[in-house]
């Protein structure tokens, strides 16, 4: 990834998201590709992935179960199973962001009192 110090946000066996504070960016490592994103782009990607109807996608017998997702200057061509893996990574990442915010709030309240 860029040689910068990266902090693991969330990972699975299929990929993960890493944070670089110096660059104020996030790195999505998935399916053999690494994508440098800002928070807004990662959030937009999550919204796109969440809108994909996996149930409908898997019932299309005469069509391939492929979804094309654009990420900034590149794209991901994902099967239904890969979408499930990416969705897991994104859900875990945003859960970690929420958990971090909750911990910061608790620590700030302890310092104030």
Protein backbone atom coordinates (compact mmCIF):
# COMPACT_ATOMS: atom_id res chain seq x y z
CA UNK A 1 0.00 0.00 0.00
CA UNK A 2 1.72 3.41 0.01
CA UNK A 3 4.61 2.74 2.38
CA UNK A 4 2.86 4.93 4.97
CA UNK A 5 2.01 3.65 8.40
CA UNK A 6 -1.35 1.91 8.08
CA UNK A 7 -3.71 1.14 10.92
CA UNK A 8 -6.00 -1.86 10.54
CA UNK A 9 -9.64 -0.84 10.80
CA UNK A 10 -11.23 -4.20 10.00
CA UNK A 11 -10.09 -7.33 8.18
CA UNK A 12 -11.39 -10.73 7.22
CA UNK A 13 -9.70 -13.58 5.40
CA UNK A 14 -10.99 -12.01 2.13
CA UNK A 15 -9.67 -8.46 2.61
CA UNK A 16 -9.82 -5.42 4.80
CA UNK A 17 -9.78 -1.68 5.30
CA UNK A 18 -6.76 0.21 6.59
CA UNK A 19 -6.41 3.82 7.69
CA UNK A 20 -3.51 6.18 6.96
CA UNK A 21 -3.61 9.22 9.23
CA UNK A 22 -0.75 11.02 7.41
CA UNK A 23 -2.64 10.90 4.10
CA UNK A 24 -6.08 11.20 5.71
CA UNK A 25 -7.20 8.26 3.58
CA UNK A 26 -8.44 4.71 3.76
CA UNK A 27 -7.27 1.69 1.80
CA UNK A 28 -9.67 -1.04 0.73
CA UNK A 29 -7.76 -4.27 0.10
CA UNK A 30 -10.09 -6.67 -1.67
CA UNK A 31 -9.98 -9.26 -4.42
CA UNK A 32 -6.32 -8.69 -5.21
CA UNK A 33 -6.75 -4.93 -5.60
CA UNK A 34 -6.02 -2.03 -3.28
CA UNK A 35 -8.15 1.11 -3.60
CA UNK A 36 -7.19 4.39 -1.92
CA UNK A 37 -10.37 6.16 -0.78
CA UNK A 38 -11.46 8.99 1.45
CA UNK A 39 -14.18 8.43 4.04
CA UNK A 40 -16.91 9.84 1.81
CA UNK A 41 -15.99 7.51 -1.07
CA UNK A 42 -15.94 4.49 1.25
CA UNK A 43 -19.34 5.49 2.64
CA UNK A 44 -20.73 5.87 -0.90
CA UNK A 45 -19.34 2.44 -1.82
CA UNK A 46 -21.07 0.94 1.22
CA UNK A 47 -24.37 2.52 0.18
CA UNK A 48 -24.04 1.09 -3.34
CA UNK A 49 -23.19 -2.38 -2.01
CA UNK A 50 -26.07 -2.25 0.48
CA UNK A 51 -28.52 -1.49 -2.36
CA UNK A 52 -27.60 -4.61 -4.35
CA UNK A 53 -30.40 -7.16 -4.13
CA UNK A 54 -28.41 -10.35 -3.58
CA UNK A 55 -31.52 -12.51 -3.40
CA UNK A 56 -32.69 -11.33 -6.81
CA UNK A 57 -29.17 -11.57 -8.21
CA UNK A 58 -28.89 -15.22 -7.21
CA UNK A 59 -32.24 -16.17 -8.77
CA UNK A 60 -31.30 -14.97 -12.27
CA UNK A 61 -30.68 -18.34 -13.89
CA UNK A 62 -30.23 -17.13 -17.45
CA UNK A 63 -27.87 -14.28 -16.49
CA UNK A 64 -24.48 -14.30 -14.81
CA UNK A 65 -24.46 -13.30 -11.16
CA UNK A 66 -22.10 -10.40 -11.81
CA UNK A 67 -22.30 -6.85 -10.47
CA UNK A 68 -20.08 -4.02 -11.71
CA UNK A 69 -19.26 -1.42 -9.06
CA UNK A 70 -17.40 1.78 -9.91
CA UNK A 71 -14.81 3.01 -7.41
CA UNK A 72 -13.31 6.37 -8.36
CA UNK A 73 -11.09 5.66 -11.40
CA UNK A 74 -11.47 1.88 -11.34
CA UNK A 75 -14.20 -0.71 -11.05
CA UNK A 76 -14.92 -3.99 -9.34
CA UNK A 77 -16.55 -6.85 -11.22
CA UNK A 78 -17.98 -9.02 -8.46
CA UNK A 79 -19.85 -12.28 -8.24
CA UNK A 80 -22.66 -12.69 -5.73
CA UNK A 81 -20.30 -14.40 -3.29
CA UNK A 82 -17.69 -11.64 -3.64
CA UNK A 83 -20.42 -9.08 -2.94
CA UNK A 84 -21.21 -10.92 0.29
CA UNK A 85 -17.50 -10.82 1.26
CA UNK A 86 -17.19 -7.11 0.45
CA UNK A 87 -20.41 -6.34 2.30
CA UNK A 88 -19.02 -8.10 5.38
CA UNK A 89 -15.82 -6.05 5.20
CA UNK A 90 -17.70 -2.76 4.82
CA UNK A 91 -20.19 -3.57 7.60
CA UNK A 92 -17.34 -4.52 9.93
CA UNK A 93 -15.42 -1.36 9.03
CA UNK A 94 -18.32 0.94 9.79
CA UNK A 95 -19.06 -0.98 13.01
CA UNK A 96 -15.46 -0.28 14.07
CA UNK A 97 -15.90 3.43 13.22
CA UNK A 98 -19.05 3.55 15.38
CA UNK A 99 -17.34 1.66 18.20
CA UNK A 100 -14.39 4.06 18.08
CA UNK A 101 -16.79 7.04 18.32
CA UNK A 102 -18.56 5.47 21.32
CA UNK A 103 -15.24 4.85 23.08
CA UNK A 104 -14.10 8.42 22.40
CA UNK A 105 -17.38 9.75 23.84
CA UNK A 106 -16.98 7.62 26.97
CA UNK A 107 -13.36 8.68 27.46
CA UNK A 108 -14.24 12.33 26.95
CA UNK A 109 -16.99 12.09 29.59
CA UNK A 110 -14.54 10.49 32.05
CA UNK A 111 -12.03 13.31 31.55
CA UNK A 112 -14.69 16.04 31.97
CA UNK A 113 -16.04 14.70 35.27
